[in-house]
C-alpha atoms as a PDB file:
ATOM      1  CA  MET A   1     119.147 111.499  99.499  1.00  0.00           C
ATOM      2  CA  GLY A   2     117.233 108.924  97.555  1.00  0.00           C
ATOM      3  CA  ASP A   3     115.442 106.335  99.701  1.00  0.00           C
ATOM      4  CA  GLY A   4     113.251 108.600 101.810  1.00  0.00           C
ATOM      5  CA  ALA A   5     114.195 107.147 105.171  1.00  0.00           C
ATOM      6  CA  ALA A   6     112.860 109.004 108.148  1.00  0.00           C
ATOM      7  CA  THR A   7     115.131 111.435 109.877  1.00  0.00           C
ATOM      8  CA  GLY A   8     116.055 111.273 113.508  1.00  0.00           C
ATOM      9  CA  GLY A   9     114.377 114.589 114.329  1.00  0.00           C
ATOM     10  CA  ALA A  10     110.967 115.314 115.777  1.00  0.00           C
ATOM     11  CA  ALA A  11     109.160 115.276 112.443  1.00  0.00           C
ATOM     12  CA  GLY A  12     105.624 115.716 113.711  1.00  0.00           C
ATOM     13  CA  ALA A  13     104.902 118.715 111.503  1.00  0.00           C
ATOM     14  CA  VAL A  14     105.747 116.756 108.367  1.00  0.00           C
ATOM     15  CA  ASP A  15     103.972 113.586 109.465  1.00  0.00           C
ATOM     16  CA  ALA A  16     100.796 115.541 110.242  1.00  0.00           C
ATOM     17  CA  LEU A  17     100.704 116.862 106.675  1.00  0.00           C
ATOM     18  CA  ALA A  18     101.658 113.607 104.948  1.00  0.00           C
ATOM     19  CA  PRO A  19      98.865 111.081 104.390  1.00  0.00           C
ATOM     20  CA  SER A  20      99.880 107.466 104.830  1.00  0.00           C
ATOM     21  CA  ARG A  21      99.547 106.917 101.093  1.00  0.00           C
ATOM     22  CA  HIS A  22     102.675 109.039 100.565  1.00  0.00           C
ATOM     23  CA  LEU A  23     104.582 106.792 102.961  1.00  0.00           C
ATOM     24  CA  ARG A  24     103.304 103.753 101.077  1.00  0.00           C
ATOM     25  CA  ALA A  25     104.401 105.254  97.770  1.00  0.00           C
ATOM     26  CA  ALA A  26     107.852 105.955  99.214  1.00  0.00           C
ATOM     27  CA  ALA A  27     108.128 102.346 100.445  1.00  0.00           C
ATOM     28  CA  LEU A  28     107.208 101.001  96.993  1.00  0.00           C
ATOM     29  CA  ALA A  29     109.777 103.257  95.330  1.00  0.00           C
ATOM     30  CA  ARG A  30     112.420 100.690  96.331  1.00  0.00           C
ATOM     31  CA  PRO A  31     112.660  98.057  93.562  1.00  0.00           C
ATOM     32  CA  ALA A  32     113.092  95.123  95.969  1.00  0.00           C
ATOM     33  CA  ALA A  33     110.051  96.135  98.006  1.00  0.00           C
ATOM     34  CA  ARG A  34     107.994  96.633  94.843  1.00  0.00           C
ATOM     35  CA  ARG A  35     108.987  93.145  93.651  1.00  0.00           C
ATOM     36  CA  ILE A  36     107.853  91.650  96.967  1.00  0.00           C
ATOM     37  CA  ALA A  37     104.502  93.440  96.682  1.00  0.00           C
ATOM     38  CA  GLU A  38     104.100  92.143  93.125  1.00  0.00           C
ATOM     39  CA  LEU A  39     104.751  88.556  94.259  1.00  0.00           C
ATOM     40  CA  LEU A  40     102.206  88.847  97.069  1.00  0.00           C
ATOM     41  CA  ALA A  41      99.662  90.353  94.668  1.00  0.00           C
ATOM     42  CA  VAL A  42      99.650  87.252  92.456  1.00  0.00           C
ATOM     43  CA  ALA A  43     100.134  84.639  95.194  1.00  0.00           C
ATOM     44  CA  ARG A  44      97.274  82.211  95.831  1.00  0.00           C
ATOM     45  CA  GLY A  45      97.633  82.722  99.576  1.00  0.00           C
ATOM     46  CA  PRO A  46      99.889  84.238 102.239  1.00  0.00           C
ATOM     47  CA  LEU A  47     103.618  83.529 101.833  1.00  0.00           C
ATOM     48  CA  THR A  48     106.461  83.153 104.318  1.00  0.00           C
ATOM     49  CA  ALA A  49     109.589  85.308 104.062  1.00  0.00           C
ATOM     50  CA  GLY A  50     111.482  82.200 102.917  1.00  0.00           C
ATOM     51  CA  GLU A  51     109.025  81.514 100.108  1.00  0.00           C
ATOM     52  CA  ILE A  52     109.207  85.129  98.989  1.00  0.00           C
ATOM     53  CA  ALA A  53     113.011  85.050  99.093  1.00  0.00           C
ATOM     54  CA  VAL A  54     113.104  81.985  96.818  1.00  0.00           C
ATOM     55  CA  ALA A  55     110.628  83.487  94.355  1.00  0.00           C
ATOM     56  CA  ALA A  56     112.411  86.849  94.292  1.00  0.00           C
ATOM     57  CA  GLY A  57     115.903  85.371  94.196  1.00  0.00           C
ATOM     58  CA  ARG A  58     116.982  87.337  97.274  1.00  0.00           C
ATOM     59  CA  HIS A  59     118.444  86.569 100.668  1.00  0.00           C
ATOM     60  CA  HIS A  60     115.761  85.950 103.301  1.00  0.00           C
ATOM     61  CA  SER A  61     117.241  88.491 105.767  1.00  0.00           C
ATOM     62  CA  GLY A  62     116.887  91.299 103.227  1.00  0.00           C
ATOM     63  CA  VAL A  63     113.352  90.163 102.394  1.00  0.00           C
ATOM     64  CA  ARG A  64     112.435  90.266 106.095  1.00  0.00           C
ATOM     65  CA  GLY A  65     113.639  93.862 106.288  1.00  0.00           C
ATOM     66  CA  HIS A  66     111.533  94.906 103.313  1.00  0.00           C
ATOM     67  CA  LEU A  67     108.512  93.055 104.696  1.00  0.00           C
ATOM     68  CA  ALA A  68     108.874  94.889 108.002  1.00  0.00           C
ATOM     69  CA  ALA A  69     108.969  98.232 106.169  1.00  0.00           C
ATOM     70  CA  LEU A  70     105.920  97.343 104.046  1.00  0.00           C
ATOM     71  CA  GLU A  71     104.050  96.159 107.119  1.00  0.00           C
ATOM     72  CA  ALA A  72     104.888  99.385 108.978  1.00  0.00           C
ATOM     73  CA  VAL A  73     103.147 101.525 106.322  1.00  0.00           C
ATOM     74  CA  GLY A  74     100.132  99.225 106.027  1.00  0.00           C
ATOM     75  CA  LEU A  75     100.864  97.659 102.645  1.00  0.00           C
ATOM     76  CA  VAL A  76     101.462  94.166 103.992  1.00  0.00           C
ATOM     77  CA  GLU A  77      99.870  92.213 106.822  1.00  0.00           C
ATOM     78  CA  GLY A  78     101.740  89.466 108.635  1.00  0.00           C
ATOM     79  CA  ARG A  79     100.150  86.702 110.710  1.00  0.00           C
ATOM     80  CA  THR A  80     101.860  83.950 112.687  1.00  0.00           C
ATOM     81  CA  ASP A  81     100.620  80.377 112.288  1.00  0.00           C
ATOM     82  CA  PRO A  82      99.310  78.600 115.420  1.00  0.00           C
ATOM     83  CA  ALA A  83     102.045  76.800 117.346  1.00  0.00           C
ATOM     84  CA  ARG A  84     102.289  73.102 116.500  1.00  0.00           C
ATOM     85  CA  GLY A  85     104.923  71.031 118.221  1.00  0.00           C
ATOM     86  CA  ARG A  86     108.523  72.166 118.411  1.00  0.00           C
ATOM     87  CA  GLY A  87     110.047  75.021 116.475  1.00  0.00           C
ATOM     88  CA  ARG A  88     109.013  78.568 115.816  1.00  0.00           C
ATOM     89  CA  PRO A  89     105.623  78.972 114.051  1.00  0.00           C
ATOM     90  CA  ALA A  90     105.830  80.352 110.518  1.00  0.00           C
ATOM     91  CA  ARG A  91     104.821  83.940 109.852  1.00  0.00           C
ATOM     92  CA  ARG A  92     102.940  84.484 106.618  1.00  0.00           C
ATOM     93  CA  TYR A  93     102.368  87.700 104.717  1.00  0.00           C
ATOM     94  CA  ARG A  94      99.661  88.969 102.410  1.00  0.00           C
ATOM     95  CA  LEU A  95      99.081  92.211 100.533  1.00  0.00           C
ATOM     96  CA  VAL A  96      96.541  94.532 102.172  1.00  0.00           C
ATOM     97  CA  PRO A  97      93.687  95.785  99.941  1.00  0.00           C
ATOM     98  CA  ASP A  98      94.564  99.301  98.781  1.00  0.00           C
ATOM     99  CA  PRO A  99      92.994 101.897 101.136  1.00  0.00           C
ATOM    100  CA  ASP A 100      94.234 104.908  99.161  1.00  0.00           C
ATOM    101  CA  GLY A 101      90.927 105.981  97.635  1.00  0.00           C
ATOM    102  CA  ARG A 102      89.090 106.349 100.929  1.00  0.00           C
ATOM    103  CA  GLU A 103      92.096 107.962 102.594  1.00  0.00           C
ATOM    104  CA  ALA A 104      92.465 110.459  99.738  1.00  0.00           C
ATOM    105  CA  ASP A 105      88.832 111.540 100.145  1.00  0.00           C
ATOM    106  CA  GLY A 106      89.330 112.034 103.874  1.00  0.00           C
ATOM    107  CA  HIS A 107      92.538 113.991 103.347  1.00  0.00           C
ATOM    108  CA  ARG A 108      90.921 116.306 100.809  1.00  0.00           C
ATOM    109  CA  GLU A 109      88.072 117.027 103.214  1.00  0.00           C
ATOM    110  CA  LEU A 110      90.513 117.703 106.066  1.00  0.00           C
ATOM    111  CA  VAL A 111      92.496 120.162 103.916  1.00  0.00           C
ATOM    112  CA  ARG A 112      89.263 121.895 102.887  1.00  0.00           C
ATOM    113  CA  LEU A 113      88.172 122.307 106.507  1.00  0.00           C
ATOM    114  CA  LEU A 114      91.583 123.595 107.577  1.00  0.00           C
ATOM    115  CA  MET A 115      91.619 126.153 104.761  1.00  0.00           C
ATOM    116  CA  ALA A 116      88.150 127.329 105.813  1.00  0.00           C
ATOM    117  CA  LEU A 117      89.399 127.717 109.390  1.00  0.00           C
ATOM    118  CA  VAL A 118      92.483 129.669 108.294  1.00  0.00           C
ATOM    119  CA  GLY A 119      90.251 131.936 106.224  1.00  0.00           C
ATOM    120  CA  ARG A 120      87.960 132.560 109.172  1.00  0.00           C
ATOM    121  CA  LEU A 121      90.948 133.481 111.348  1.00  0.00           C
ATOM    122  CA  ALA A 122      92.075 135.926 108.618  1.00  0.00           C
ATOM    123  CA  LEU A 123      95.698 134.797 108.840  1.00  0.00           C
ATOM    124  CA  THR A 124      98.066 136.469 106.397  1.00  0.00           C
ATOM    125  CA  SER A 125     100.580 134.683 104.191  1.00  0.00           C
ATOM    126  CA  GLU A 126     103.403 136.062 106.352  1.00  0.00           C
ATOM    127  CA  GLU A 127     101.814 134.710 109.536  1.00  0.00           C
ATOM    128  CA  VAL A 128     101.314 131.276 108.013  1.00  0.00           C
ATOM    129  CA  GLU A 129     104.907 131.213 106.759  1.00  0.00           C
ATOM    130  CA  ARG A 130     106.266 132.207 110.195  1.00  0.00           C
ATOM    131  CA  PHE A 131     104.279 129.351 111.724  1.00  0.00           C
ATOM    132  CA  GLY A 132     105.794 126.990 109.144  1.00  0.00           C
ATOM    133  CA  VAL A 133     109.297 128.156 110.047  1.00  0.00           C
ATOM    134  CA  GLU A 134     108.656 127.461 113.739  1.00  0.00           C
ATOM    135  CA  GLN A 135     107.365 123.963 112.990  1.00  0.00           C
ATOM    136  CA  GLY A 136     110.091 123.203 110.464  1.00  0.00           C
ATOM    137  CA  ARG A 137     112.894 123.863 112.947  1.00  0.00           C
ATOM    138  CA  ALA A 138     111.904 120.757 114.924  1.00  0.00           C
ATOM    139  CA  VAL A 139     111.815 118.399 111.914  1.00  0.00           C
ATOM    140  CA  PRO A 140     115.437 117.625 110.937  1.00  0.00           C
ATOM    141  CA  ARG A 141     118.588 116.377 112.603  1.00  0.00           C
ATOM    142  CA  PRO A 142     120.721 119.422 113.459  1.00  0.00           C
ATOM    143  CA  GLY A 143     123.520 119.644 110.940  1.00  0.00           C
ATOM    144  CA  GLY A 144     121.991 116.958 108.708  1.00  0.00           C
ATOM    145  CA  GLY A 145     122.362 119.153 105.624  1.00  0.00           C
ATOM    146  CA  VAL A 146     120.096 119.756 102.637  1.00  0.00           C
ATOM    147  CA  ALA A 147     119.333 116.007 102.591  1.00  0.00           C
ATOM    148  CA  GLU A 148     116.977 116.620 105.535  1.00  0.00           C
ATOM    149  CA  LEU A 149     114.855 118.954 103.395  1.00  0.00           C
ATOM    150  CA  TRP A 150     114.849 116.421 100.540  1.00  0.00           C
ATOM    151  CA  THR A 151     113.656 113.659 102.874  1.00  0.00           C
ATOM    152  CA  ALA A 152     110.834 115.812 104.255  1.00  0.00           C
ATOM    153  CA  LEU A 153     109.672 116.666 100.718  1.00  0.00           C
ATOM    154  CA  GLU A 154     109.647 112.964  99.792  1.00  0.00           C
ATOM    155  CA  ARG A 155     107.585 112.113 102.859  1.00  0.00           C
ATOM    156  CA  LEU A 156     105.071 114.823 102.006  1.00  0.00           C
ATOM    157  CA  GLY A 157     104.648 113.327  98.524  1.00  0.00           C
ATOM    158  CA  PHE A 158     106.188 116.115  96.418  1.00  0.00           C
ATOM    159  CA  ALA A 159     108.422 113.704  94.421  1.00  0.00           C
ATOM    160  CA  PRO A 160     111.496 115.962  94.490  1.00  0.00           C
ATOM    161  CA  ARG A 161     114.239 115.789  91.875  1.00  0.00           C
ATOM    162  CA  PRO A 162     117.426 117.803  91.363  1.00  0.00           C
ATOM    163  CA  GLY A 163     117.200 120.986  89.355  1.00  0.00           C
ATOM    164  CA  ALA A 164     119.837 123.249  87.836  1.00  0.00           C
ATOM    165  CA  GLY A 165     123.078 122.969  89.755  1.00  0.00           C
ATOM    166  CA  GLY A 166     121.984 119.844  91.636  1.00  0.00           C
ATOM    167  CA  PRO A 167     119.836 119.417  94.755  1.00  0.00           C
ATOM    168  CA  SER A 168     122.004 121.747  96.826  1.00  0.00           C
ATOM    169  CA  ARG A 169     121.030 124.600  94.471  1.00  0.00           C
ATOM    170  CA  GLU A 170     117.556 123.789  93.161  1.00  0.00           C
ATOM    171  CA  ILE A 171     114.899 121.193  93.921  1.00  0.00           C
ATOM    172  CA  ILE A 172     112.024 120.610  91.499  1.00  0.00           C
ATOM    173  CA  LEU A 173     108.762 119.223  92.878  1.00  0.00           C
ATOM    174  CA  ASP A 174     107.172 116.866  90.336  1.00  0.00           C
ATOM    175  CA  ARG A 175     103.924 116.378  92.296  1.00  0.00           C
ATOM    176  CA  CYS A 176     101.589 118.547  94.322  1.00  0.00           C
ATOM    177  CA  PRO A 177      99.915 116.338  96.962  1.00  0.00           C
ATOM    178  CA  PHE A 178      97.650 119.205  98.044  1.00  0.00           C
ATOM    179  CA  ILE A 179      96.024 120.094  94.714  1.00  0.00           C
ATOM    180  CA  ASP A 180      92.472 120.423  96.044  1.00  0.00           C
ATOM    181  CA  GLY A 181      93.575 122.640  98.912  1.00  0.00           C
ATOM    182  CA  VAL A 182      95.732 124.912  96.752  1.00  0.00           C
ATOM    183  CA  GLU A 183      92.887 125.368  94.258  1.00  0.00           C
ATOM    184  CA  ALA A 184      90.408 126.223  97.038  1.00  0.00           C
ATOM    185  CA  PRO A 185      89.828 129.874  98.063  1.00  0.00           C
ATOM    186  CA  GLY A 186      92.899 131.052  99.952  1.00  0.00           C
ATOM    187  CA  GLY A 187      94.763 127.916  98.953  1.00  0.00           C
ATOM    188  CA  ARG A 188      98.018 129.738  98.279  1.00  0.00           C
ATOM    189  CA  LEU A 189      98.475 129.822 102.048  1.00  0.00           C
ATOM    190  CA  ILE A 190      99.398 126.138 101.736  1.00  0.00           C
ATOM    191  CA  CYS A 191     102.370 127.214  99.611  1.00  0.00           C
ATOM    192  CA  ALA A 192     103.282 129.770 102.288  1.00  0.00           C
ATOM    193  CA  LEU A 193     103.182 127.046 104.941  1.00  0.00           C
ATOM    194  CA  HIS A 194     105.492 124.797 102.923  1.00  0.00           C
ATOM    195  CA  ARG A 195     107.836 127.693 102.202  1.00  0.00           C
ATOM    196  CA  GLY A 196     108.075 128.287 105.946  1.00  0.00           C
ATOM    197  CA  LEU A 197     108.630 124.584 106.673  1.00  0.00           C
ATOM    198  CA  ALA A 198     111.483 124.509 104.152  1.00  0.00           C
ATOM    199  CA  ARG A 199     113.102 127.571 105.714  1.00  0.00           C
ATOM    200  CA  GLY A 200     112.762 126.149 109.208  1.00  0.00           C
ATOM    201  CA  ILE A 201     114.233 122.778 108.165  1.00  0.00           C
ATOM    202  CA  LEU A 202     117.208 124.445 106.491  1.00  0.00           C
ATOM    203  CA  GLY A 203     117.735 126.707 109.497  1.00  0.00           C
ATOM    204  CA  THR A 204     118.289 123.675 111.712  1.00  0.00           C
ATOM    205  CA  ALA A 205     119.879 121.236 109.266  1.00  0.00           C
ATOM    206  CA  ALA A 206     122.065 123.343 106.974  1.00  0.00           C
ATOM    207  CA  ALA A 207     123.733 126.346 108.594  1.00  0.00           C
ATOM    208  CA  GLY A 208     124.024 129.223 106.135  1.00  0.00           C
ATOM    209  CA  VAL A 209     121.895 127.615 103.412  1.00  0.00           C
ATOM    210  CA  VAL A 210     118.714 129.587 102.882  1.00  0.00           C
ATOM    211  CA  LEU A 211     115.626 129.230 100.751  1.00  0.00           C
ATOM    212  CA  GLU A 212     116.142 131.991  98.229  1.00  0.00           C
ATOM    213  CA  ASP A 213     112.817 131.492  96.493  1.00  0.00           C
ATOM    214  CA  LEU A 214     109.890 129.136  96.035  1.00  0.00           C
ATOM    215  CA  ILE A 215     108.564 129.485  92.509  1.00  0.00           C
ATOM    216  CA  ALA A 216     104.980 128.219  92.630  1.00  0.00           C
ATOM    217  CA  MET A 217     103.408 126.693  89.533  1.00  0.00           C
ATOM    218  CA  PRO A 218      99.792 125.623  88.814  1.00  0.00           C
ATOM    219  CA  PRO A 219      99.327 122.582  91.096  1.00  0.00           C
ATOM    220  CA  ARG A 220      97.964 120.188  88.458  1.00  0.00           C
ATOM    221  CA  GLY A 221     101.022 120.759  86.292  1.00  0.00           C
ATOM    222  CA  ALA A 222     103.368 120.693  89.302  1.00  0.00           C
ATOM    223  CA  GLY A 223     106.996 121.709  88.741  1.00  0.00           C
ATOM    224  CA  CYS A 224     107.332 124.147  91.647  1.00  0.00           C
ATOM    225  CA  ARG A 225     110.975 125.046  92.297  1.00  0.00           C
ATOM    226  CA  LEU A 226     112.858 125.587  95.530  1.00  0.00           C
ATOM    227  CA  ARG A 227     115.967 127.669  94.895  1.00  0.00           C
ATOM    228  CA  LEU A 228     118.635 127.515  97.572  1.00  0.00           C
ATOM    229  CA  ALA A 229     121.420 129.993  98.282  1.00  0.00           C
ATOM    230  CA  GLN A 230     124.688 128.673  99.656  1.00  0.00           C
ATOM    231  CA  PRO A 231     126.762 130.577 102.243  1.00  0.00           C
ATOM    232  CA  THR A 232     129.413 132.924 100.953  1.00  0.00           C
ATOM    233  CA  ILE A 233     132.880 132.113 102.288  1.00  0.00           C
ATOM    234  CA  THR A 234     135.110 135.106 102.853  1.00  0.00           C
ATOM    235  CA  VAL A 235     138.857 134.497 102.830  1.00  0.00           C
ATOM    236  CA  ALA A 236     140.970 136.987 104.752  1.00  0.00           C
ATOM    237  CA  ILE A 237     144.179 138.004 103.013  1.00  0.00           C
ATOM    238  CA  GLU A 238     147.059 139.184 105.209  1.00  0.00           C
ATOM    239  CA  LYS A 239     148.721 142.385 104.131  1.00  0.00           C
END
């Protein structure tokens, strides 16, 4: 469950809610990728994958994979040198200046506007949750198991970790990426939306596993808990 790779499903509902900064944080959660970012941060200029591999003590093919992932989420920028004579031009990489502050402001304003719209439409918690269920069904790979829910929570920035009984029984959310929205008037509807998304994801990915409860906590303290109920297996006894 741990590296937050994208699922094969149509995850538009999750991606729409997850600012790019959460994807960047997930990319940097991998130690090798974080080491590459650290090397680029102190480099005097752009570096090739080979130069990074030597400095990091890693194989260049693995470094290229991490660079591609970092480039995909906007943390690293790669540029190819002009062609000069024979041979393939070198591609050099640099760290992109951190855009998180400006993006966070824009995301907070978007959440505020959406909450105002939901309030104007007078949607109930039940209606918002049903909408979340509908959207969540399209997110995971069918039959992918509880891991699909874990991956979606990572991508949204909730920093999930196993709770009592392991992640198939309880998932604790160590971060709330929607603090400003939840604290706004009517903000608890955001919790209803996420509860619905979780139920929809489980409905497609983990047959019989249901979201028994979402225990919401104050968003700045985080620690919300998703409690899952496993299917009951009945064994027939011949008489």
